[in-house]
Each structure stands twice: as C-alpha cells, then as structure tokens.
Amino acid sequence: MVRKSMMAATFAAGYVLGARAGRDRYDAIVAKAQELWRDPRVQDKVSQAQDVAKEKANQVQAAAKEKLPGTSGSGTSDSASASTPAAGTGSESVP
C-alpha cells in the first residue's frame, strides 16, 4: 500500500511540475509570436497580402458578374465592396 501511495505522490509531483513548465513554455511561445506579429517588416508583408487579396477579389467579382446570367448591368456593382471591412483597421489579433 505504501508503494502505491509513493507512486501516486511521485506521479502527482511530476504532473504538477510538468504542467507548470509546459505553461511557461506556452507563455514564451505566445510572447514571441506577438513580438513577431508587431514587427514592422511582418506588418508590411501583411499589408501587401491584403492589397493583393483585394485586387484578386475585385477580379473574381468582375469575372463572376460576366459569367452569371442576370448580373451584368444590374446597377449594384459596388454593393459587395460596401460591406467588406477595410484593411488595416487594427482588428487583427494573435491567438
């Protein structure tokens, strides 16, 4: 019985210490990820990617309007872009 108690205590101590070390490592990874996300070079690339995505979205929208029946000349060419949030609004976040 003492042997089982000793084994359980050892397991519990290992679990607590391991969990604490794991949380510390997780916190370090999160801090590094946030630091990287705030880097101006990264934000420059994010901005470039957003610009490319907007351009491609406009191209896809124009191509879709050409292909779909009843959508050309409907007078709602800008309705989809009005509901799209603007890039760089600061709503980006890191988990």
PDB file of N, CA and C in Angstrom:
ATOM      1  N   MET A   1       0.820  -1.183   0.000  1.00  0.00           N
ATOM      2  CA  MET A   1       0.000   0.000   0.000  1.00  0.00           C
ATOM      3  C   MET A   1       0.872   1.257   0.000  1.00  0.00           C
ATOM      4  N   VAL A   2       1.961   1.229   0.753  1.00  0.00           N
ATOM      5  CA  VAL A   2       2.875   2.359   0.811  1.00  0.00           C
ATOM      6  C   VAL A   2       3.495   2.591  -0.569  1.00  0.00           C
ATOM      7  N   ARG A   3       3.779   1.496  -1.246  1.00  0.00           N
ATOM      8  CA  ARG A   3       4.385   1.599  -2.578  1.00  0.00           C
ATOM      9  C   ARG A   3       3.442   2.312  -3.545  1.00  0.00           C
ATOM     10  N   LYS A   4       2.154   2.002  -3.513  1.00  0.00           N
ATOM     11  CA  LYS A   4       1.174   2.657  -4.383  1.00  0.00           C
ATOM     12  C   LYS A   4       1.039   4.133  -4.018  1.00  0.00           C
ATOM     13  N   SER A   5       1.050   4.439  -2.736  1.00  0.00           N
ATOM     14  CA  SER A   5       0.957   5.830  -2.294  1.00  0.00           C
ATOM     15  C   SER A   5       2.172   6.627  -2.764  1.00  0.00           C
ATOM     16  N   MET A   6       3.353   6.013  -2.649  1.00  0.00           N
ATOM     17  CA  MET A   6       4.580   6.673  -3.079  1.00  0.00           C
ATOM     18  C   MET A   6       4.552   6.904  -4.590  1.00  0.00           C
ATOM     19  N   MET A   7       4.078   5.914  -5.320  1.00  0.00           N
ATOM     20  CA  MET A   7       3.992   6.041  -6.775  1.00  0.00           C
ATOM     21  C   MET A   7       2.997   7.132  -7.164  1.00  0.00           C
ATOM     22  N   ALA A   8       1.863   7.206  -6.488  1.00  0.00           N
ATOM     23  CA  ALA A   8       0.863   8.226  -6.769  1.00  0.00           C
ATOM     24  C   ALA A   8       1.408   9.620  -6.457  1.00  0.00           C
ATOM     25  N   ALA A   9       2.118   9.759  -5.345  1.00  0.00           N
ATOM     26  CA  ALA A   9       2.697  11.046  -4.971  1.00  0.00           C
ATOM     27  C   ALA A   9       3.748  11.480  -5.991  1.00  0.00           C
ATOM     28  N   THR A  10       4.567  10.544  -6.435  1.00  0.00           N
ATOM     29  CA  THR A  10       5.577  10.848  -7.448  1.00  0.00           C
ATOM     30  C   THR A  10       4.918  11.288  -8.757  1.00  0.00           C
ATOM     31  N   PHE A  11       3.891  10.564  -9.148  1.00  0.00           N
ATOM     32  CA  PHE A  11       3.162  10.921 -10.365  1.00  0.00           C
ATOM     33  C   PHE A  11       2.555  12.316 -10.234  1.00  0.00           C
ATOM     34  N   ALA A  12       1.937  12.604  -9.096  1.00  0.00           N
ATOM     35  CA  ALA A  12       1.304  13.906  -8.885  1.00  0.00           C
ATOM     36  C   ALA A  12       2.335  15.031  -8.938  1.00  0.00           C
ATOM     37  N   ALA A  13       3.475  14.841  -8.283  1.00  0.00           N
ATOM     38  CA  ALA A  13       4.523  15.866  -8.299  1.00  0.00           C
ATOM     39  C   ALA A  13       5.051  16.080  -9.715  1.00  0.00           C
ATOM     40  N   GLY A  14       5.264  15.017 -10.439  1.00  0.00           N
ATOM     41  CA  GLY A  14       5.730  15.133 -11.823  1.00  0.00           C
ATOM     42  C   GLY A  14       4.721  15.843 -12.703  1.00  0.00           C
ATOM     43  N   TYR A  15       3.457  15.531 -12.496  1.00  0.00           N
ATOM     44  CA  TYR A  15       2.401  16.167 -13.285  1.00  0.00           C
ATOM     45  C   TYR A  15       2.354  17.663 -13.020  1.00  0.00           C
ATOM     46  N   VAL A  16       2.386  18.053 -11.752  1.00  0.00           N
ATOM     47  CA  VAL A  16       2.315  19.478 -11.395  1.00  0.00           C
ATOM     48  C   VAL A  16       3.526  20.226 -11.947  1.00  0.00           C
ATOM     49  N   LEU A  17       4.704  19.679 -11.752  1.00  0.00           N
ATOM     50  CA  LEU A  17       5.909  20.347 -12.254  1.00  0.00           C
ATOM     51  C   LEU A  17       5.925  20.407 -13.782  1.00  0.00           C
ATOM     52  N   GLY A  18       5.502  19.345 -14.419  1.00  0.00           N
ATOM     53  CA  GLY A  18       5.461  19.328 -15.877  1.00  0.00           C
ATOM     54  C   GLY A  18       4.443  20.297 -16.436  1.00  0.00           C
ATOM     55  N   ALA A  19       3.296  20.381 -15.799  1.00  0.00           N
ATOM     56  CA  ALA A  19       2.256  21.302 -16.248  1.00  0.00           C
ATOM     57  C   ALA A  19       2.723  22.748 -16.108  1.00  0.00           C
ATOM     58  N   ARG A  20       3.406  23.040 -15.019  1.00  0.00           N
ATOM     59  CA  ARG A  20       3.910  24.395 -14.800  1.00  0.00           C
ATOM     60  C   ARG A  20       4.962  24.730 -15.853  1.00  0.00           C
ATOM     61  N   ALA A  21       5.870  23.798 -16.131  1.00  0.00           N
ATOM     62  CA  ALA A  21       6.899  24.024 -17.144  1.00  0.00           C
ATOM     63  C   ALA A  21       6.261  24.160 -18.520  1.00  0.00           C
ATOM     64  N   GLY A  22       5.235  23.385 -18.769  1.00  0.00           N
ATOM     65  CA  GLY A  22       4.531  23.476 -20.046  1.00  0.00           C
ATOM     66  C   GLY A  22       3.859  24.817 -20.227  1.00  0.00           C
ATOM     67  N   ARG A  23       3.248  25.335 -19.184  1.00  0.00           N
ATOM     68  CA  ARG A  23       2.588  26.644 -19.248  1.00  0.00           C
ATOM     69  C   ARG A  23       3.612  27.746 -19.466  1.00  0.00           C
ATOM     70  N   ASP A  24       4.752  27.652 -18.809  1.00  0.00           N
ATOM     71  CA  ASP A  24       5.804  28.647 -19.003  1.00  0.00           C
ATOM     72  C   ASP A  24       6.282  28.652 -20.454  1.00  0.00           C
ATOM     73  N   ARG A  25       6.433  27.467 -21.014  1.00  0.00           N
ATOM     74  CA  ARG A  25       6.876  27.374 -22.414  1.00  0.00           C
ATOM     75  C   ARG A  25       5.816  27.930 -23.356  1.00  0.00           C
ATOM     76  N   TYR A  26       4.558  27.627 -23.062  1.00  0.00           N
ATOM     77  CA  TYR A  26       3.456  28.150 -23.872  1.00  0.00           C
ATOM     78  C   TYR A  26       3.450  29.676 -23.828  1.00  0.00           C
ATOM     79  N   ASP A  27       3.600  30.237 -22.637  1.00  0.00           N
ATOM     80  CA  ASP A  27       3.629  31.695 -22.495  1.00  0.00           C
ATOM     81  C   ASP A  27       4.794  32.297 -23.275  1.00  0.00           C
ATOM     82  N   ALA A  28       5.940  31.632 -23.273  1.00  0.00           N
ATOM     83  CA  ALA A  28       7.097  32.124 -24.020  1.00  0.00           C
ATOM     84  C   ALA A  28       6.830  32.099 -25.521  1.00  0.00           C
ATOM     85  N   ILE A  29       6.187  31.060 -25.992  1.00  0.00           N
ATOM     86  CA  ILE A  29       5.866  30.959 -27.421  1.00  0.00           C
ATOM     87  C   ILE A  29       4.873  32.049 -27.817  1.00  0.00           C
ATOM     88  N   VAL A  30       3.865  32.278 -27.001  1.00  0.00           N
ATOM     89  CA  VAL A  30       2.874  33.323 -27.279  1.00  0.00           C
ATOM     90  C   VAL A  30       3.543  34.691 -27.317  1.00  0.00           C
ATOM     91  N   ALA A  31       4.419  34.968 -26.377  1.00  0.00           N
ATOM     92  CA  ALA A  31       5.114  36.255 -26.341  1.00  0.00           C
ATOM     93  C   ALA A  31       5.960  36.451 -27.597  1.00  0.00           C
ATOM     94  N   LYS A  32       6.647  35.412 -28.015  1.00  0.00           N
ATOM     95  CA  LYS A  32       7.478  35.508 -29.224  1.00  0.00           C
ATOM     96  C   LYS A  32       6.610  35.720 -30.464  1.00  0.00           C
ATOM     97  N   ALA A  33       5.476  35.039 -30.535  1.00  0.00           N
ATOM     98  CA  ALA A  33       4.568  35.201 -31.673  1.00  0.00           C
ATOM     99  C   ALA A  33       4.022  36.625 -31.735  1.00  0.00           C
ATOM    100  N   GLN A  34       3.671  37.187 -30.593  1.00  0.00           N
ATOM    101  CA  GLN A  34       3.175  38.562 -30.563  1.00  0.00           C
ATOM    102  C   GLN A  34       4.270  39.545 -30.957  1.00  0.00           C
ATOM    103  N   GLU A  35       5.472  39.299 -30.499  1.00  0.00           N
ATOM    104  CA  GLU A  35       6.606  40.149 -30.877  1.00  0.00           C
ATOM    105  C   GLU A  35       6.831  40.099 -32.385  1.00  0.00           C
ATOM    106  N   LEU A  36       6.771  38.920 -32.945  1.00  0.00           N
ATOM    107  CA  LEU A  36       6.948  38.761 -34.384  1.00  0.00           C
ATOM    108  C   LEU A  36       5.832  39.461 -35.146  1.00  0.00           C
ATOM    109  N   TRP A  37       4.588  39.330 -34.689  1.00  0.00           N
ATOM    110  CA  TRP A  37       3.448  39.941 -35.371  1.00  0.00           C
ATOM    111  C   TRP A  37       3.562  41.461 -35.391  1.00  0.00           C
ATOM    112  N   ARG A  38       4.144  42.050 -34.341  1.00  0.00           N
ATOM    113  CA  ARG A  38       4.277  43.504 -34.255  1.00  0.00           C
ATOM    114  C   ARG A  38       5.461  44.036 -35.052  1.00  0.00           C
ATOM    115  N   ASP A  39       6.305  43.180 -35.559  1.00  0.00           N
ATOM    116  CA  ASP A  39       7.471  43.594 -36.339  1.00  0.00           C
ATOM    117  C   ASP A  39       7.007  44.368 -37.576  1.00  0.00           C
ATOM    118  N   PRO A  40       7.580  45.550 -37.838  1.00  0.00           N
ATOM    119  CA  PRO A  40       7.165  46.349 -38.994  1.00  0.00           C
ATOM    120  C   PRO A  40       7.336  45.615 -40.329  1.00  0.00           C
ATOM    121  N   ARG A  41       8.336  44.767 -40.429  1.00  0.00           N
ATOM    122  CA  ARG A  41       8.531  44.025 -41.677  1.00  0.00           C
ATOM    123  C   ARG A  41       7.392  43.047 -41.904  1.00  0.00           C
ATOM    124  N   VAL A  42       6.928  42.416 -40.841  1.00  0.00           N
ATOM    125  CA  VAL A  42       5.807  41.488 -40.954  1.00  0.00           C
ATOM    126  C   VAL A  42       4.541  42.257 -41.321  1.00  0.00           C
ATOM    127  N   GLN A  43       4.322  43.386 -40.669  1.00  0.00           N
ATOM    128  CA  GLN A  43       3.133  44.175 -40.959  1.00  0.00           C
ATOM    129  C   GLN A  43       3.143  44.705 -42.390  1.00  0.00           C
ATOM    130  N   ASP A  44       4.320  45.010 -42.917  1.00  0.00           N
ATOM    131  CA  ASP A  44       4.434  45.429 -44.316  1.00  0.00           C
ATOM    132  C   ASP A  44       3.989  44.303 -45.246  1.00  0.00           C
ATOM    133  N   LYS A  45       4.419  43.095 -44.956  1.00  0.00           N
ATOM    134  CA  LYS A  45       4.016  41.937 -45.774  1.00  0.00           C
ATOM    135  C   LYS A  45       2.521  41.657 -45.628  1.00  0.00           C
ATOM    136  N   VAL A  46       1.985  41.846 -44.433  1.00  0.00           N
ATOM    137  CA  VAL A  46       0.551  41.661 -44.218  1.00  0.00           C
ATOM    138  C   VAL A  46      -0.224  42.654 -45.075  1.00  0.00           C
ATOM    139  N   SER A  47       0.229  43.894 -45.088  1.00  0.00           N
ATOM    140  CA  SER A  47      -0.422  44.927 -45.881  1.00  0.00           C
ATOM    141  C   SER A  47      -0.364  44.582 -47.374  1.00  0.00           C
ATOM    142  N   GLN A  48       0.783  44.119 -47.828  1.00  0.00           N
ATOM    143  CA  GLN A  48       0.920  43.721 -49.233  1.00  0.00           C
ATOM    144  C   GLN A  48      -0.027  42.571 -49.568  1.00  0.00           C
ATOM    145  N   ALA A  49      -0.129  41.608 -48.675  1.00  0.00           N
ATOM    146  CA  ALA A  49      -1.021  40.473 -48.906  1.00  0.00           C
ATOM    147  C   ALA A  49      -2.478  40.924 -48.950  1.00  0.00           C
ATOM    148  N   GLN A  50      -2.855  41.860 -48.097  1.00  0.00           N
ATOM    149  CA  GLN A  50      -4.224  42.380 -48.111  1.00  0.00           C
ATOM    150  C   GLN A  50      -4.518  43.096 -49.424  1.00  0.00           C
ATOM    151  N   ASP A  51      -3.554  43.870 -49.913  1.00  0.00           N
ATOM    152  CA  ASP A  51      -3.740  44.573 -51.182  1.00  0.00           C
ATOM    153  C   ASP A  51      -3.936  43.594 -52.336  1.00  0.00           C
ATOM    154  N   VAL A  52      -3.119  42.556 -52.369  1.00  0.00           N
ATOM    155  CA  VAL A  52      -3.236  41.542 -53.420  1.00  0.00           C
ATOM    156  C   VAL A  52      -4.585  40.830 -53.320  1.00  0.00           C
ATOM    157  N   ALA A  53      -4.997  40.507 -52.101  1.00  0.00           N
ATOM    158  CA  ALA A  53      -6.280  39.821 -51.910  1.00  0.00           C
ATOM    159  C   ALA A  53      -7.437  40.691 -52.375  1.00  0.00           C
ATOM    160  N   LYS A  54      -7.389  41.984 -52.089  1.00  0.00           N
ATOM    161  CA  LYS A  54      -8.446  42.902 -52.547  1.00  0.00           C
ATOM    162  C   LYS A  54      -8.489  42.952 -54.068  1.00  0.00           C
ATOM    163  N   GLU A  55      -7.315  43.058 -54.675  1.00  0.00           N
ATOM    164  CA  GLU A  55      -7.237  43.121 -56.131  1.00  0.00           C
ATOM    165  C   GLU A  55      -7.811  41.851 -56.764  1.00  0.00           C
ATOM    166  N   LYS A  56      -7.418  40.716 -56.227  1.00  0.00           N
ATOM    167  CA  LYS A  56      -7.913  39.442 -56.756  1.00  0.00           C
ATOM    168  C   LYS A  56      -9.415  39.301 -56.520  1.00  0.00           C
ATOM    169  N   ALA A  57      -9.895  39.768 -55.375  1.00  0.00           N
ATOM    170  CA  ALA A  57     -11.327  39.692 -55.093  1.00  0.00           C
ATOM    171  C   ALA A  57     -12.120  40.517 -56.105  1.00  0.00           C
ATOM    172  N   ASN A  58     -11.605  41.689 -56.440  1.00  0.00           N
ATOM    173  CA  ASN A  58     -12.276  42.513 -57.444  1.00  0.00           C
ATOM    174  C   ASN A  58     -12.272  41.834 -58.807  1.00  0.00           C
ATOM    175  N   GLN A  59     -11.164  41.184 -59.155  1.00  0.00           N
ATOM    176  CA  GLN A  59     -11.082  40.473 -60.422  1.00  0.00           C
ATOM    177  C   GLN A  59     -12.066  39.306 -60.462  1.00  0.00           C
ATOM    178  N   VAL A  60     -12.146  38.567 -59.373  1.00  0.00           N
ATOM    179  CA  VAL A  60     -13.066  37.428 -59.299  1.00  0.00           C
ATOM    180  C   VAL A  60     -14.508  37.911 -59.369  1.00  0.00           C
ATOM    181  N   GLN A  61     -14.802  39.003 -58.689  1.00  0.00           N
ATOM    182  CA  GLN A  61     -16.154  39.555 -58.707  1.00  0.00           C
ATOM    183  C   GLN A  61     -16.537  39.968 -60.130  1.00  0.00           C
ATOM    184  N   ALA A  62     -15.624  40.632 -60.829  1.00  0.00           N
ATOM    185  CA  ALA A  62     -15.901  41.055 -62.206  1.00  0.00           C
ATOM    186  C   ALA A  62     -16.101  39.845 -63.117  1.00  0.00           C
ATOM    187  N   ALA A  63     -15.262  38.821 -62.944  1.00  0.00           N
ATOM    188  CA  ALA A  63     -15.392  37.618 -63.767  1.00  0.00           C
ATOM    189  C   ALA A  63     -16.701  36.898 -63.471  1.00  0.00           C
ATOM    190  N   ALA A  64     -17.094  36.855 -62.221  1.00  0.00           N
ATOM    191  CA  ALA A  64     -18.343  36.193 -61.851  1.00  0.00           C
ATOM    192  C   ALA A  64     -19.538  36.926 -62.430  1.00  0.00           C
ATOM    193  N   LYS A  65     -19.496  38.245 -62.429  1.00  0.00           N
ATOM    194  CA  LYS A  65     -20.599  39.025 -62.992  1.00  0.00           C
ATOM    195  C   LYS A  65     -20.728  38.783 -64.497  1.00  0.00           C
ATOM    196  N   GLU A  66     -19.601  38.567 -65.154  1.00  0.00           N
ATOM    197  CA  GLU A  66     -19.635  38.283 -66.590  1.00  0.00           C
ATOM    198  C   GLU A  66     -20.229  36.903 -66.864  1.00  0.00           C
ATOM    199  N   LYS A  67     -19.930  35.948 -65.989  1.00  0.00           N
ATOM    200  CA  LYS A  67     -20.345  34.560 -66.204  1.00  0.00           C
ATOM    201  C   LYS A  67     -21.790  34.292 -65.780  1.00  0.00           C
ATOM    202  N   LEU A  68     -22.237  34.930 -64.696  1.00  0.00           N
ATOM    203  CA  LEU A  68     -23.563  34.643 -64.167  1.00  0.00           C
ATOM    204  C   LEU A  68     -24.633  35.395 -64.946  1.00  0.00           C
ATOM    205  N   PRO A  69     -25.711  34.720 -65.296  1.00  0.00           N
ATOM    206  CA  PRO A  69     -26.783  35.401 -66.029  1.00  0.00           C
ATOM    207  C   PRO A  69     -27.539  36.363 -65.116  1.00  0.00           C
ATOM    208  N   GLY A  70     -27.908  37.502 -65.680  1.00  0.00           N
ATOM    209  CA  GLY A  70     -28.721  38.459 -64.942  1.00  0.00           C
ATOM    210  C   GLY A  70     -27.962  39.343 -63.983  1.00  0.00           C
ATOM    211  N   THR A  71     -26.629  39.282 -63.959  1.00  0.00           N
ATOM    212  CA  THR A  71     -25.894  40.129 -63.019  1.00  0.00           C
ATOM    213  C   THR A  71     -25.239  41.310 -63.705  1.00  0.00           C
ATOM    214  N   SER A  72     -25.043  41.274 -65.003  1.00  0.00           N
ATOM    215  CA  SER A  72     -24.389  42.391 -65.674  1.00  0.00           C
ATOM    216  C   SER A  72     -25.389  43.515 -65.872  1.00  0.00           C
ATOM    217  N   GLY A  73     -24.950  44.741 -65.583  1.00  0.00           N
ATOM    218  CA  GLY A  73     -25.805  45.901 -65.771  1.00  0.00           C
ATOM    219  C   GLY A  73     -26.908  46.016 -64.740  1.00  0.00           C
ATOM    220  N   SER A  74     -26.781  45.394 -63.608  1.00  0.00           N
ATOM    221  CA  SER A  74     -27.838  45.444 -62.600  1.00  0.00           C
ATOM    222  C   SER A  74     -27.754  46.692 -61.739  1.00  0.00           C
ATOM    223  N   GLY A  75     -26.661  47.451 -61.860  1.00  0.00           N
ATOM    224  CA  GLY A  75     -26.527  48.678 -61.092  1.00  0.00           C
ATOM    225  C   GLY A  75     -26.051  48.463 -59.671  1.00  0.00           C
ATOM    226  N   THR A  76     -25.655  47.272 -59.314  1.00  0.00           N
ATOM    227  CA  THR A  76     -25.175  47.003 -57.953  1.00  0.00           C
ATOM    228  C   THR A  76     -23.717  46.588 -57.978  1.00  0.00           C
ATOM    229  N   SER A  77     -22.926  47.241 -58.801  1.00  0.00           N
ATOM    230  CA  SER A  77     -21.540  46.825 -58.958  1.00  0.00           C
ATOM    231  C   SER A  77     -20.705  47.074 -57.718  1.00  0.00           C
ATOM    232  N   ASP A  78     -21.141  47.986 -56.845  1.00  0.00           N
ATOM    233  CA  ASP A  78     -20.328  48.315 -55.686  1.00  0.00           C
ATOM    234  C   ASP A  78     -20.943  47.844 -54.380  1.00  0.00           C
ATOM    235  N   SER A  79     -22.043  47.115 -54.418  1.00  0.00           N
ATOM    236  CA  SER A  79     -22.717  46.718 -53.189  1.00  0.00           C
ATOM    237  C   SER A  79     -21.908  45.716 -52.377  1.00  0.00           C
ATOM    238  N   ALA A  80     -21.180  44.826 -53.020  1.00  0.00           N
ATOM    239  CA  ALA A  80     -20.397  43.834 -52.284  1.00  0.00           C
ATOM    240  C   ALA A  80     -19.219  44.476 -51.581  1.00  0.00           C
ATOM    241  N   SER A  81     -18.588  45.467 -52.198  1.00  0.00           N
ATOM    242  CA  SER A  81     -17.425  46.085 -51.578  1.00  0.00           C
ATOM    243  C   SER A  81     -17.816  47.006 -50.434  1.00  0.00           C
ATOM    244  N   ALA A  82     -19.066  47.471 -50.411  1.00  0.00           N
ATOM    245  CA  ALA A  82     -19.503  48.345 -49.333  1.00  0.00           C
ATOM    246  C   ALA A  82     -19.599  47.596 -48.013  1.00  0.00           C
ATOM    247  N   SER A  83     -19.865  46.297 -48.061  1.00  0.00           N
ATOM    248  CA  SER A  83     -19.993  45.546 -46.820  1.00  0.00           C
ATOM    249  C   SER A  83     -18.686  44.888 -46.398  1.00  0.00           C
ATOM    250  N   THR A  84     -17.622  45.038 -47.178  1.00  0.00           N
ATOM    251  CA  THR A  84     -16.340  44.433 -46.862  1.00  0.00           C
ATOM    252  C   THR A  84     -15.580  45.378 -45.936  1.00  0.00           C
ATOM    253  N   PRO A  85     -15.072  44.904 -44.798  1.00  0.00           N
ATOM    254  CA  PRO A  85     -14.329  45.777 -43.889  1.00  0.00           C
ATOM    255  C   PRO A  85     -13.028  46.243 -44.515  1.00  0.00           C
ATOM    256  N   ALA A  86     -12.622  47.428 -44.165  1.00  0.00           N
ATOM    257  CA  ALA A  86     -11.391  47.995 -44.713  1.00  0.00           C
ATOM    258  C   ALA A  86     -10.173  47.310 -44.114  1.00  0.00           C
ATOM    259  N   ALA A  87      -9.129  47.197 -44.910  1.00  0.00           N
ATOM    260  CA  ALA A  87      -7.889  46.579 -44.436  1.00  0.00           C
ATOM    261  C   ALA A  87      -7.184  47.534 -43.491  1.00  0.00           C
ATOM    262  N   GLY A  88      -6.427  46.954 -42.579  1.00  0.00           N
ATOM    263  CA  GLY A  88      -5.631  47.760 -41.673  1.00  0.00           C
ATOM    264  C   GLY A  88      -6.450  48.455 -40.604  1.00  0.00           C
ATOM    265  N   THR A  89      -7.591  47.903 -40.252  1.00  0.00           N
ATOM    266  CA  THR A  89      -8.445  48.523 -39.245  1.00  0.00           C
ATOM    267  C   THR A  89      -7.966  48.261 -37.838  1.00  0.00           C
ATOM    268  N   GLY A  90      -6.907  47.469 -37.714  1.00  0.00           N
ATOM    269  CA  GLY A  90      -6.374  47.186 -36.391  1.00  0.00           C
ATOM    270  C   GLY A  90      -7.090  46.057 -35.690  1.00  0.00           C
ATOM    271  N   SER A  91      -7.959  45.358 -36.408  1.00  0.00           N
ATOM    272  CA  SER A  91      -8.709  44.283 -35.768  1.00  0.00           C
ATOM    273  C   SER A  91      -7.974  42.962 -35.835  1.00  0.00           C
ATOM    274  N   GLU A  92      -6.762  42.972 -36.382  1.00  0.00           N
ATOM    275  CA  GLU A  92      -6.002  41.739 -36.454  1.00  0.00           C
ATOM    276  C   GLU A  92      -5.527  41.371 -35.050  1.00  0.00           C
ATOM    277  N   SER A  93      -5.484  40.087 -34.772  1.00  0.00           N
ATOM    278  CA  SER A  93      -5.008  39.661 -33.460  1.00  0.00           C
ATOM    279  C   SER A  93      -4.272  38.343 -33.572  1.00  0.00           C
ATOM    280  N   VAL A  94      -3.499  38.079 -32.574  1.00  0.00           N
ATOM    281  CA  VAL A  94      -2.744  36.833 -32.492  1.00  0.00           C
ATOM    282  C   VAL A  94      -3.334  36.014 -31.366  1.00  0.00           C
ATOM    283  N   PRO A  95      -3.599  34.754 -31.623  1.00  0.00           N
ATOM    284  CA  PRO A  95      -4.185  33.939 -30.548  1.00  0.00           C
ATOM    285  C   PRO A  95      -3.293  33.797 -29.354  1.00  0.00           C
TER     286      PRO A  95
END
